[in-house]
Amino acid sequence: MLILSRKIDEKIKIGEEITITLIDIHGDQVKIGVEAPKNVKVFRQEVFDAIQKENEAAVMEESRNKVAIDAVSALSKLLKK
């Protein structure tokens, strides 16, 4: 992890396309601005974690649905015999 000290209005560059600017400091809260191309998604960590959790739940649900459909299909084939 790279740790940098910055003052208000100072910037950090990540590659050529991403700029982070220190906007304000109030007590233990720091406000930063992120400039990035529209195709780069920028999230707070807790929002990113929630999205990941939702995606994992959706994949599990899709998997359960596929198993159920396969079971119904197999049962249907058996009943047609």
PDB file of N, CA and C in Angstrom:
ATOM      1  N   MET A   1       0.852  -1.175   0.000  1.00  0.00           N
ATOM      2  CA  MET A   1       0.000   0.000   0.000  1.00  0.00           C
ATOM      3  C   MET A   1       0.894   1.233   0.000  1.00  0.00           C
ATOM      4  N   LEU A   2       0.604   2.143  -0.875  1.00  0.00           N
ATOM      5  CA  LEU A   2       1.312   3.417  -0.935  1.00  0.00           C
ATOM      6  C   LEU A   2       0.564   4.407  -0.049  1.00  0.00           C
ATOM      7  N   ILE A   3       1.258   5.052   0.864  1.00  0.00           N
ATOM      8  CA  ILE A   3       0.641   6.045   1.754  1.00  0.00           C
ATOM      9  C   ILE A   3       1.243   7.398   1.428  1.00  0.00           C
ATOM     10  N   LEU A   4       0.364   8.370   1.132  1.00  0.00           N
ATOM     11  CA  LEU A   4       0.803   9.707   0.747  1.00  0.00           C
ATOM     12  C   LEU A   4       0.185  10.753   1.657  1.00  0.00           C
ATOM     13  N   SER A   5       0.918  11.818   1.905  1.00  0.00           N
ATOM     14  CA  SER A   5       0.370  12.974   2.619  1.00  0.00           C
ATOM     15  C   SER A   5      -0.011  14.019   1.578  1.00  0.00           C
ATOM     16  N   ARG A   6      -1.170  14.615   1.745  1.00  0.00           N
ATOM     17  CA  ARG A   6      -1.647  15.649   0.821  1.00  0.00           C
ATOM     18  C   ARG A   6      -2.296  16.763   1.621  1.00  0.00           C
ATOM     19  N   LYS A   7      -2.252  17.961   1.078  1.00  0.00           N
ATOM     20  CA  LYS A   7      -2.951  19.112   1.654  1.00  0.00           C
ATOM     21  C   LYS A   7      -4.168  19.389   0.788  1.00  0.00           C
ATOM     22  N   ILE A   8      -5.093  20.196   1.303  1.00  0.00           N
ATOM     23  CA  ILE A   8      -6.304  20.528   0.555  1.00  0.00           C
ATOM     24  C   ILE A   8      -5.921  21.076  -0.820  1.00  0.00           C
ATOM     25  N   ASP A   9      -6.644  20.630  -1.827  1.00  0.00           N
ATOM     26  CA  ASP A   9      -6.473  20.970  -3.245  1.00  0.00           C
ATOM     27  C   ASP A   9      -5.276  20.300  -3.909  1.00  0.00           C
ATOM     28  N   GLU A  10      -4.525  19.476  -3.188  1.00  0.00           N
ATOM     29  CA  GLU A  10      -3.447  18.728  -3.824  1.00  0.00           C
ATOM     30  C   GLU A  10      -4.026  17.445  -4.413  1.00  0.00           C
ATOM     31  N   LYS A  11      -3.363  16.940  -5.434  1.00  0.00           N
ATOM     32  CA  LYS A  11      -3.904  15.821  -6.206  1.00  0.00           C
ATOM     33  C   LYS A  11      -2.973  14.613  -6.171  1.00  0.00           C
ATOM     34  N   ILE A  12      -3.576  13.475  -6.486  1.00  0.00           N
ATOM     35  CA  ILE A  12      -2.851  12.223  -6.675  1.00  0.00           C
ATOM     36  C   ILE A  12      -3.282  11.677  -8.031  1.00  0.00           C
ATOM     37  N   LYS A  13      -2.342  11.267  -8.852  1.00  0.00           N
ATOM     38  CA  LYS A  13      -2.651  10.683 -10.158  1.00  0.00           C
ATOM     39  C   LYS A  13      -2.498   9.176 -10.083  1.00  0.00           C
ATOM     40  N   ILE A  14      -3.472   8.463 -10.658  1.00  0.00           N
ATOM     41  CA  ILE A  14      -3.397   7.013 -10.804  1.00  0.00           C
ATOM     42  C   ILE A  14      -3.425   6.743 -12.301  1.00  0.00           C
ATOM     43  N   GLY A  15      -2.295   6.333 -12.829  1.00  0.00           N
ATOM     44  CA  GLY A  15      -2.189   6.198 -14.272  1.00  0.00           C
ATOM     45  C   GLY A  15      -2.349   7.570 -14.914  1.00  0.00           C
ATOM     46  N   GLU A  16      -2.807   7.564 -16.152  1.00  0.00           N
ATOM     47  CA  GLU A  16      -2.975   8.832 -16.866  1.00  0.00           C
ATOM     48  C   GLU A  16      -4.403   9.367 -16.788  1.00  0.00           C
ATOM     49  N   GLU A  17      -5.358   8.508 -16.384  1.00  0.00           N
ATOM     50  CA  GLU A  17      -6.755   8.889 -16.507  1.00  0.00           C
ATOM     51  C   GLU A  17      -7.477   9.149 -15.194  1.00  0.00           C
ATOM     52  N   ILE A  18      -6.873   8.850 -14.067  1.00  0.00           N
ATOM     53  CA  ILE A  18      -7.575   8.986 -12.791  1.00  0.00           C
ATOM     54  C   ILE A  18      -6.839   9.991 -11.916  1.00  0.00           C
ATOM     55  N   THR A  19      -7.600  10.943 -11.387  1.00  0.00           N
ATOM     56  CA  THR A  19      -7.050  11.957 -10.491  1.00  0.00           C
ATOM     57  C   THR A  19      -7.880  11.995  -9.223  1.00  0.00           C
ATOM     58  N   ILE A  20      -7.200  11.969  -8.093  1.00  0.00           N
ATOM     59  CA  ILE A  20      -7.854  12.090  -6.793  1.00  0.00           C
ATOM     60  C   ILE A  20      -7.417  13.415  -6.195  1.00  0.00           C
ATOM     61  N   THR A  21      -8.398  14.210  -5.765  1.00  0.00           N
ATOM     62  CA  THR A  21      -8.110  15.523  -5.189  1.00  0.00           C
ATOM     63  C   THR A  21      -8.611  15.577  -3.762  1.00  0.00           C
ATOM     64  N   LEU A  22      -7.780  16.065  -2.855  1.00  0.00           N
ATOM     65  CA  LEU A  22      -8.207  16.267  -1.473  1.00  0.00           C
ATOM     66  C   LEU A  22      -9.022  17.559  -1.440  1.00  0.00           C
ATOM     67  N   ILE A  23     -10.295  17.447  -1.119  1.00  0.00           N
ATOM     68  CA  ILE A  23     -11.218  18.581  -1.177  1.00  0.00           C
ATOM     69  C   ILE A  23     -11.299  19.319   0.152  1.00  0.00           C
ATOM     70  N   ASP A  24     -11.465  18.572   1.243  1.00  0.00           N
ATOM     71  CA  ASP A  24     -11.688  19.227   2.534  1.00  0.00           C
ATOM     72  C   ASP A  24     -11.363  18.255   3.666  1.00  0.00           C
ATOM     73  N   ILE A  25     -11.041  18.817   4.811  1.00  0.00           N
ATOM     74  CA  ILE A  25     -10.801  18.024   6.020  1.00  0.00           C
ATOM     75  C   ILE A  25     -11.567  18.676   7.158  1.00  0.00           C
ATOM     76  N   HIS A  26     -12.411  17.895   7.843  1.00  0.00           N
ATOM     77  CA  HIS A  26     -13.145  18.352   9.034  1.00  0.00           C
ATOM     78  C   HIS A  26     -12.991  17.281  10.094  1.00  0.00           C
ATOM     79  N   GLY A  27     -12.174  17.536  11.103  1.00  0.00           N
ATOM     80  CA  GLY A  27     -11.970  16.553  12.162  1.00  0.00           C
ATOM     81  C   GLY A  27     -11.433  15.259  11.604  1.00  0.00           C
ATOM     82  N   ASP A  28     -12.180  14.159  11.799  1.00  0.00           N
ATOM     83  CA  ASP A  28     -11.718  12.863  11.308  1.00  0.00           C
ATOM     84  C   ASP A  28     -12.334  12.493   9.957  1.00  0.00           C
ATOM     85  N   GLN A  29     -12.971  13.461   9.297  1.00  0.00           N
ATOM     86  CA  GLN A  29     -13.580  13.206   7.994  1.00  0.00           C
ATOM     87  C   GLN A  29     -12.799  13.931   6.899  1.00  0.00           C
ATOM     88  N   VAL A  30     -12.499  13.200   5.841  1.00  0.00           N
ATOM     89  CA  VAL A  30     -11.773  13.746   4.701  1.00  0.00           C
ATOM     90  C   VAL A  30     -12.665  13.626   3.475  1.00  0.00           C
ATOM     91  N   LYS A  31     -12.794  14.704   2.718  1.00  0.00           N
ATOM     92  CA  LYS A  31     -13.566  14.658   1.472  1.00  0.00           C
ATOM     93  C   LYS A  31     -12.583  14.639   0.315  1.00  0.00           C
ATOM     94  N   ILE A  32     -12.800  13.659  -0.574  1.00  0.00           N
ATOM     95  CA  ILE A  32     -11.955  13.562  -1.753  1.00  0.00           C
ATOM     96  C   ILE A  32     -12.818  13.609  -2.997  1.00  0.00           C
ATOM     97  N   GLY A  33     -12.223  14.077  -4.076  1.00  0.00           N
ATOM     98  CA  GLY A  33     -12.877  14.058  -5.375  1.00  0.00           C
ATOM     99  C   GLY A  33     -12.141  13.080  -6.262  1.00  0.00           C
ATOM    100  N   VAL A  34     -12.884  12.335  -7.069  1.00  0.00           N
ATOM    101  CA  VAL A  34     -12.289  11.363  -7.978  1.00  0.00           C
ATOM    102  C   VAL A  34     -12.704  11.722  -9.400  1.00  0.00           C
ATOM    103  N   GLU A  35     -11.720  11.961 -10.242  1.00  0.00           N
ATOM    104  CA  GLU A  35     -11.974  12.179 -11.663  1.00  0.00           C
ATOM    105  C   GLU A  35     -11.490  10.939 -12.395  1.00  0.00           C
ATOM    106  N   ALA A  36     -12.409  10.297 -13.108  1.00  0.00           N
ATOM    107  CA  ALA A  36     -12.076   9.077 -13.836  1.00  0.00           C
ATOM    108  C   ALA A  36     -12.958   8.993 -15.073  1.00  0.00           C
ATOM    109  N   PRO A  37     -12.519   8.247 -16.076  1.00  0.00           N
ATOM    110  CA  PRO A  37     -13.364   8.049 -17.261  1.00  0.00           C
ATOM    111  C   PRO A  37     -14.688   7.403 -16.868  1.00  0.00           C
ATOM    112  N   LYS A  38     -15.713   7.640 -17.659  1.00  0.00           N
ATOM    113  CA  LYS A  38     -17.042   7.106 -17.349  1.00  0.00           C
ATOM    114  C   LYS A  38     -17.068   5.580 -17.297  1.00  0.00           C
ATOM    115  N   ASN A  39     -16.159   4.924 -18.005  1.00  0.00           N
ATOM    116  CA  ASN A  39     -16.158   3.459 -17.998  1.00  0.00           C
ATOM    117  C   ASN A  39     -15.486   2.881 -16.749  1.00  0.00           C
ATOM    118  N   VAL A  40     -14.901   3.725 -15.911  1.00  0.00           N
ATOM    119  CA  VAL A  40     -14.290   3.277 -14.658  1.00  0.00           C
ATOM    120  C   VAL A  40     -15.300   3.490 -13.543  1.00  0.00           C
ATOM    121  N   LYS A  41     -15.716   2.403 -12.906  1.00  0.00           N
ATOM    122  CA  LYS A  41     -16.694   2.513 -11.828  1.00  0.00           C
ATOM    123  C   LYS A  41     -15.964   2.824 -10.526  1.00  0.00           C
ATOM    124  N   VAL A  42     -16.473   3.808  -9.805  1.00  0.00           N
ATOM    125  CA  VAL A  42     -15.866   4.223  -8.538  1.00  0.00           C
ATOM    126  C   VAL A  42     -16.928   4.078  -7.451  1.00  0.00           C
ATOM    127  N   PHE A  43     -16.614   3.295  -6.409  1.00  0.00           N
ATOM    128  CA  PHE A  43     -17.557   3.043  -5.328  1.00  0.00           C
ATOM    129  C   PHE A  43     -16.867   3.220  -3.982  1.00  0.00           C
ATOM    130  N   ARG A  44     -17.653   3.563  -2.959  1.00  0.00           N
ATOM    131  CA  ARG A  44     -17.169   3.433  -1.580  1.00  0.00           C
ATOM    132  C   ARG A  44     -17.066   1.937  -1.303  1.00  0.00           C
ATOM    133  N   GLN A  45     -16.153   1.544  -0.430  1.00  0.00           N
ATOM    134  CA  GLN A  45     -15.928   0.122  -0.169  1.00  0.00           C
ATOM    135  C   GLN A  45     -17.199  -0.589   0.280  1.00  0.00           C
ATOM    136  N   GLU A  46     -17.980   0.034   1.177  1.00  0.00           N
ATOM    137  CA  GLU A  46     -19.183  -0.638   1.685  1.00  0.00           C
ATOM    138  C   GLU A  46     -20.226  -0.827   0.594  1.00  0.00           C
ATOM    139  N   VAL A  47     -20.290   0.086  -0.362  1.00  0.00           N
ATOM    140  CA  VAL A  47     -21.220  -0.059  -1.488  1.00  0.00           C
ATOM    141  C   VAL A  47     -20.724  -1.174  -2.406  1.00  0.00           C
ATOM    142  N   PHE A  48     -19.428  -1.199  -2.681  1.00  0.00           N
ATOM    143  CA  PHE A  48     -18.834  -2.254  -3.505  1.00  0.00           C
ATOM    144  C   PHE A  48     -19.093  -3.623  -2.890  1.00  0.00           C
ATOM    145  N   ASP A  49     -18.894  -3.741  -1.566  1.00  0.00           N
ATOM    146  CA  ASP A  49     -19.124  -5.011  -0.871  1.00  0.00           C
ATOM    147  C   ASP A  49     -20.587  -5.450  -0.989  1.00  0.00           C
ATOM    148  N   ALA A  50     -21.516  -4.491  -0.864  1.00  0.00           N
ATOM    149  CA  ALA A  50     -22.945  -4.808  -0.976  1.00  0.00           C
ATOM    150  C   ALA A  50     -23.281  -5.287  -2.389  1.00  0.00           C
ATOM    151  N   ILE A  51     -22.704  -4.657  -3.391  1.00  0.00           N
ATOM    152  CA  ILE A  51     -22.937  -5.062  -4.782  1.00  0.00           C
ATOM    153  C   ILE A  51     -22.408  -6.477  -5.006  1.00  0.00           C
ATOM    154  N   GLN A  52     -21.211  -6.758  -4.486  1.00  0.00           N
ATOM    155  CA  GLN A  52     -20.636  -8.096  -4.623  1.00  0.00           C
ATOM    156  C   GLN A  52     -21.532  -9.143  -3.977  1.00  0.00           C
ATOM    157  N   LYS A  53     -22.036  -8.821  -2.791  1.00  0.00           N
ATOM    158  CA  LYS A  53     -22.910  -9.749  -2.069  1.00  0.00           C
ATOM    159  C   LYS A  53     -24.193 -10.014  -2.863  1.00  0.00           C
ATOM    160  N   GLU A  54     -24.775  -8.957  -3.426  1.00  0.00           N
ATOM    161  CA  GLU A  54     -25.984  -9.100  -4.257  1.00  0.00           C
ATOM    162  C   GLU A  54     -25.697  -9.965  -5.481  1.00  0.00           C
ATOM    163  N   ASN A  55     -24.551  -9.739  -6.108  1.00  0.00           N
ATOM    164  CA  ASN A  55     -24.183 -10.525  -7.291  1.00  0.00           C
ATOM    165  C   ASN A  55     -24.017 -12.001  -6.936  1.00  0.00           C
ATOM    166  N   GLU A  56     -23.379 -12.274  -5.812  1.00  0.00           N
ATOM    167  CA  GLU A  56     -23.200 -13.657  -5.377  1.00  0.00           C
ATOM    168  C   GLU A  56     -24.551 -14.314  -5.085  1.00  0.00           C
ATOM    169  N   ALA A  57     -25.452 -13.574  -4.454  1.00  0.00           N
ATOM    170  CA  ALA A  57     -26.784 -14.105  -4.159  1.00  0.00           C
ATOM    171  C   ALA A  57     -27.543 -14.391  -5.453  1.00  0.00           C
ATOM    172  N   ALA A  58     -27.406 -13.516  -6.448  1.00  0.00           N
ATOM    173  CA  ALA A  58     -28.087 -13.716  -7.732  1.00  0.00           C
ATOM    174  C   ALA A  58     -27.548 -14.962  -8.439  1.00  0.00           C
ATOM    175  N   VAL A  59     -26.241 -15.172  -8.372  1.00  0.00           N
ATOM    176  CA  VAL A  59     -25.651 -16.355  -9.000  1.00  0.00           C
ATOM    177  C   VAL A  59     -26.156 -17.623  -8.308  1.00  0.00           C
ATOM    178  N   MET A  60     -26.225 -17.596  -6.976  1.00  0.00           N
ATOM    179  CA  MET A  60     -26.721 -18.753  -6.230  1.00  0.00           C
ATOM    180  C   MET A  60     -28.182 -19.038  -6.587  1.00  0.00           C
ATOM    181  N   GLU A  61     -28.992 -17.989  -6.692  1.00  0.00           N
ATOM    182  CA  GLU A  61     -30.410 -18.152  -7.039  1.00  0.00           C
ATOM    183  C   GLU A  61     -30.548 -18.727  -8.444  1.00  0.00           C
ATOM    184  N   GLU A  62     -29.743 -18.223  -9.363  1.00  0.00           N
ATOM    185  CA  GLU A  62     -29.777 -18.732 -10.735  1.00  0.00           C
ATOM    186  C   GLU A  62     -29.392 -20.214 -10.759  1.00  0.00           C
ATOM    187  N   SER A  63     -28.409 -20.577  -9.966  1.00  0.00           N
ATOM    188  CA  SER A  63     -27.975 -21.969  -9.890  1.00  0.00           C
ATOM    189  C   SER A  63     -29.086 -22.859  -9.324  1.00  0.00           C
ATOM    190  N   ARG A  64     -29.758 -22.384  -8.270  1.00  0.00           N
ATOM    191  CA  ARG A  64     -30.872 -23.143  -7.689  1.00  0.00           C
ATOM    192  C   ARG A  64     -32.000 -23.302  -8.693  1.00  0.00           C
ATOM    193  N   ASN A  65     -32.284 -22.246  -9.441  1.00  0.00           N
ATOM    194  CA  ASN A  65     -33.339 -22.308 -10.449  1.00  0.00           C
ATOM    195  C   ASN A  65     -32.995 -23.325 -11.535  1.00  0.00           C
ATOM    196  N   LYS A  66     -31.738 -23.369 -11.959  1.00  0.00           N
ATOM    197  CA  LYS A  66     -31.316 -24.315 -12.985  1.00  0.00           C
ATOM    198  C   LYS A  66     -31.472 -25.746 -12.477  1.00  0.00           C
ATOM    199  N   VAL A  67     -31.099 -25.989 -11.240  1.00  0.00           N
ATOM    200  CA  VAL A  67     -31.243 -27.325 -10.665  1.00  0.00           C
ATOM    201  C   VAL A  67     -32.719 -27.719 -10.642  1.00  0.00           C
ATOM    202  N   ALA A  68     -33.584 -26.793 -10.244  1.00  0.00           N
ATOM    203  CA  ALA A  68     -35.016 -27.077 -10.192  1.00  0.00           C
ATOM    204  C   ALA A  68     -35.567 -27.372 -11.584  1.00  0.00           C
ATOM    205  N   ILE A  69     -35.156 -26.589 -12.570  1.00  0.00           N
ATOM    206  CA  ILE A  69     -35.620 -26.807 -13.946  1.00  0.00           C
ATOM    207  C   ILE A  69     -35.135 -28.161 -14.455  1.00  0.00           C
ATOM    208  N   ASP A  70     -33.881 -28.506 -14.166  1.00  0.00           N
ATOM    209  CA  ASP A  70     -33.341 -29.804 -14.582  1.00  0.00           C
ATOM    210  C   ASP A  70     -34.116 -30.953 -13.930  1.00  0.00           C
ATOM    211  N   ALA A  71     -34.475 -30.780 -12.663  1.00  0.00           N
ATOM    212  CA  ALA A  71     -35.220 -31.825 -11.953  1.00  0.00           C
ATOM    213  C   ALA A  71     -36.610 -31.997 -12.561  1.00  0.00           C
ATOM    214  N   VAL A  72     -37.264 -30.899 -12.865  1.00  0.00           N
ATOM    215  CA  VAL A  72     -38.596 -30.964 -13.478  1.00  0.00           C
ATOM    216  C   VAL A  72     -38.501 -31.616 -14.858  1.00  0.00           C
ATOM    217  N   SER A  73     -37.480 -31.265 -15.607  1.00  0.00           N
ATOM    218  CA  SER A  73     -37.283 -31.842 -16.937  1.00  0.00           C
ATOM    219  C   SER A  73     -37.061 -33.353 -16.850  1.00  0.00           C
ATOM    220  N   ALA A  74     -36.232 -33.777 -15.916  1.00  0.00           N
ATOM    221  CA  ALA A  74     -35.963 -35.212 -15.738  1.00  0.00           C
ATOM    222  C   ALA A  74     -37.236 -35.956 -15.326  1.00  0.00           C
ATOM    223  N   LEU A  75     -37.990 -35.349 -14.406  1.00  0.00           N
ATOM    224  CA  LEU A  75     -39.245 -35.975 -13.949  1.00  0.00           C
ATOM    225  C   LEU A  75     -40.237 -36.061 -15.109  1.00  0.00           C
ATOM    226  N   SER A  76     -40.312 -35.031 -15.916  1.00  0.00           N
ATOM    227  CA  SER A  76     -41.208 -35.013 -17.071  1.00  0.00           C
ATOM    228  C   SER A  76     -40.857 -36.129 -18.041  1.00  0.00           C
ATOM    229  N   LYS A  77     -39.572 -36.334 -18.278  1.00  0.00           N
ATOM    230  CA  LYS A  77     -39.130 -37.410 -19.168  1.00  0.00           C
ATOM    231  C   LYS A  77     -39.518 -38.773 -18.616  1.00  0.00           C
ATOM    232  N   LEU A  78     -39.367 -38.939 -17.319  1.00  0.00           N
ATOM    233  CA  LEU A  78     -39.736 -40.217 -16.679  1.00  0.00           C
ATOM    234  C   LEU A  78     -41.225 -40.477 -16.807  1.00  0.00           C
ATOM    235  N   LEU A  79     -42.029 -39.449 -16.639  1.00  0.00           N
ATOM    236  CA  LEU A  79     -43.487 -39.628 -16.682  1.00  0.00           C
ATOM    237  C   LEU A  79     -43.969 -39.923 -18.101  1.00  0.00           C
ATOM    238  N   LYS A  80     -43.235 -39.491 -19.109  1.00  0.00           N
ATOM    239  CA  LYS A  80     -43.636 -39.736 -20.495  1.00  0.00           C
ATOM    240  C   LYS A  80     -43.366 -41.167 -20.915  1.00  0.00           C
ATOM    241  N   LYS A  81     -42.538 -41.896 -20.176  1.00  0.00           N
ATOM    242  CA  LYS A  81     -42.187 -43.280 -20.553  1.00  0.00           C
ATOM    243  C   LYS A  81     -43.320 -44.222 -20.312  1.00  0.00           C
TER     244      LYS A  81
END
